[in-house]
C-alpha atoms as a PDB file:
ATOM      1  CA  ARG A   1       8.815  35.308 -18.076  1.00  0.00           C
ATOM      2  CA  ASP A   2       6.943  32.972 -20.468  1.00  0.00           C
ATOM      3  CA  PHE A   3       5.998  30.814 -17.497  1.00  0.00           C
ATOM      4  CA  LEU A   4       4.008  33.687 -16.009  1.00  0.00           C
ATOM      5  CA  GLU A   5       1.725  33.601 -19.049  1.00  0.00           C
ATOM      6  CA  ALA A   6       1.203  29.838 -18.799  1.00  0.00           C
ATOM      7  CA  ASP A   7      -1.568  28.214 -16.810  1.00  0.00           C
ATOM      8  CA  ALA A   8       0.958  26.184 -14.816  1.00  0.00           C
ATOM      9  CA  LYS A   9       1.037  26.017 -11.040  1.00  0.00           C
ATOM     10  CA  ILE A  10       4.606  24.785 -10.452  1.00  0.00           C
ATOM     11  CA  PHE A  11       7.796  26.020 -12.095  1.00  0.00           C
ATOM     12  CA  TRP A  12      10.184  23.082 -12.505  1.00  0.00           C
ATOM     13  CA  ALA A  13      13.743  23.450 -13.797  1.00  0.00           C
ATOM     14  CA  GLN A  14      15.505  20.171 -14.489  1.00  0.00           C
ATOM     15  CA  LEU A  15      18.723  18.913 -12.961  1.00  0.00           C
ATOM     16  CA  GLY A  16      21.573  21.327 -13.565  1.00  0.00           C
ATOM     17  CA  LEU A  17      19.344  24.359 -14.118  1.00  0.00           C
ATOM     18  CA  GLU A  18      19.157  27.120 -11.530  1.00  0.00           C
ATOM     19  CA  ASN A  19      18.532  30.811 -12.066  1.00  0.00           C
ATOM     20  CA  GLU A  20      18.274  33.316  -9.225  1.00  0.00           C
ATOM     21  CA  GLU A  21      16.882  36.008 -11.522  1.00  0.00           C
ATOM     22  CA  ALA A  22      14.086  33.703 -12.691  1.00  0.00           C
ATOM     23  CA  GLU A  23      13.276  32.819  -9.087  1.00  0.00           C
ATOM     24  CA  GLN A  24      13.105  36.493  -8.138  1.00  0.00           C
ATOM     25  CA  ILE A  25      10.812  37.283 -11.097  1.00  0.00           C
ATOM     26  CA  LEU A  26       8.506  34.387 -10.192  1.00  0.00           C
ATOM     27  CA  ARG A  27       8.338  35.301  -6.508  1.00  0.00           C
ATOM     28  CA  GLU A  28       7.637  38.960  -7.310  1.00  0.00           C
ATOM     29  CA  ALA A  29       4.722  37.745  -9.441  1.00  0.00           C
ATOM     30  CA  GLY A  30       3.361  35.757  -6.496  1.00  0.00           C
ATOM     31  CA  ARG A  31       4.512  32.356  -7.705  1.00  0.00           C
ATOM     32  CA  GLU A  32       5.846  30.365  -4.767  1.00  0.00           C
ATOM     33  CA  ASP A  33       5.911  26.796  -6.126  1.00  0.00           C
ATOM     34  CA  ILE A  34       9.394  26.772  -7.627  1.00  0.00           C
ATOM     35  CA  VAL A  35      11.639  23.726  -8.046  1.00  0.00           C
ATOM     36  CA  MET A  36      15.109  24.030  -9.537  1.00  0.00           C
ATOM     37  CA  ASP A  37      17.992  21.649 -10.137  1.00  0.00           C
ATOM     38  CA  ARG A  38      15.906  18.512  -9.641  1.00  0.00           C
ATOM     39  CA  CYS A  39      15.258  15.470 -11.797  1.00  0.00           C
ATOM     40  CA  ILE A  40      11.650  14.252 -11.863  1.00  0.00           C
ATOM     41  CA  LYS A  41      12.724  10.610 -12.220  1.00  0.00           C
ATOM     42  CA  ARG A  42      15.144  10.825  -9.293  1.00  0.00           C
ATOM     43  CA  GLU A  43      12.550  12.578  -7.121  1.00  0.00           C
ATOM     44  CA  HIS A  44       9.945   9.952  -7.999  1.00  0.00           C
ATOM     45  CA  THR A  45      12.353   7.176  -7.068  1.00  0.00           C
ATOM     46  CA  ARG A  46      13.275   8.888  -3.807  1.00  0.00           C
ATOM     47  CA  LEU A  47       9.719   9.754  -2.749  1.00  0.00           C
ATOM     48  CA  ILE A  48       7.725   6.781  -4.021  1.00  0.00           C
ATOM     49  CA  LEU A  49      10.217   3.953  -3.877  1.00  0.00           C
ATOM     50  CA  GLY A  50      12.211   5.204  -0.901  1.00  0.00           C
ATOM     51  CA  GLU A  51      15.588   4.867  -2.606  1.00  0.00           C
END
C-alpha cells in the first residue's frame, strides 16, 4: 500500500518475493507495471549480456 503513495512507476519485488494480494491491490489502483520474484542483476545479465 505504501507503494501507491510513492511516485514510482514500476513495482519491483526481488527474487523470492511474490504476493498475490499486493498484485491485486496494485492492479485495482491502476498500476500495471509489476515485477515479482526477479533479481535486477540477473535480468541485466540476461537482457544486456545475453547470458
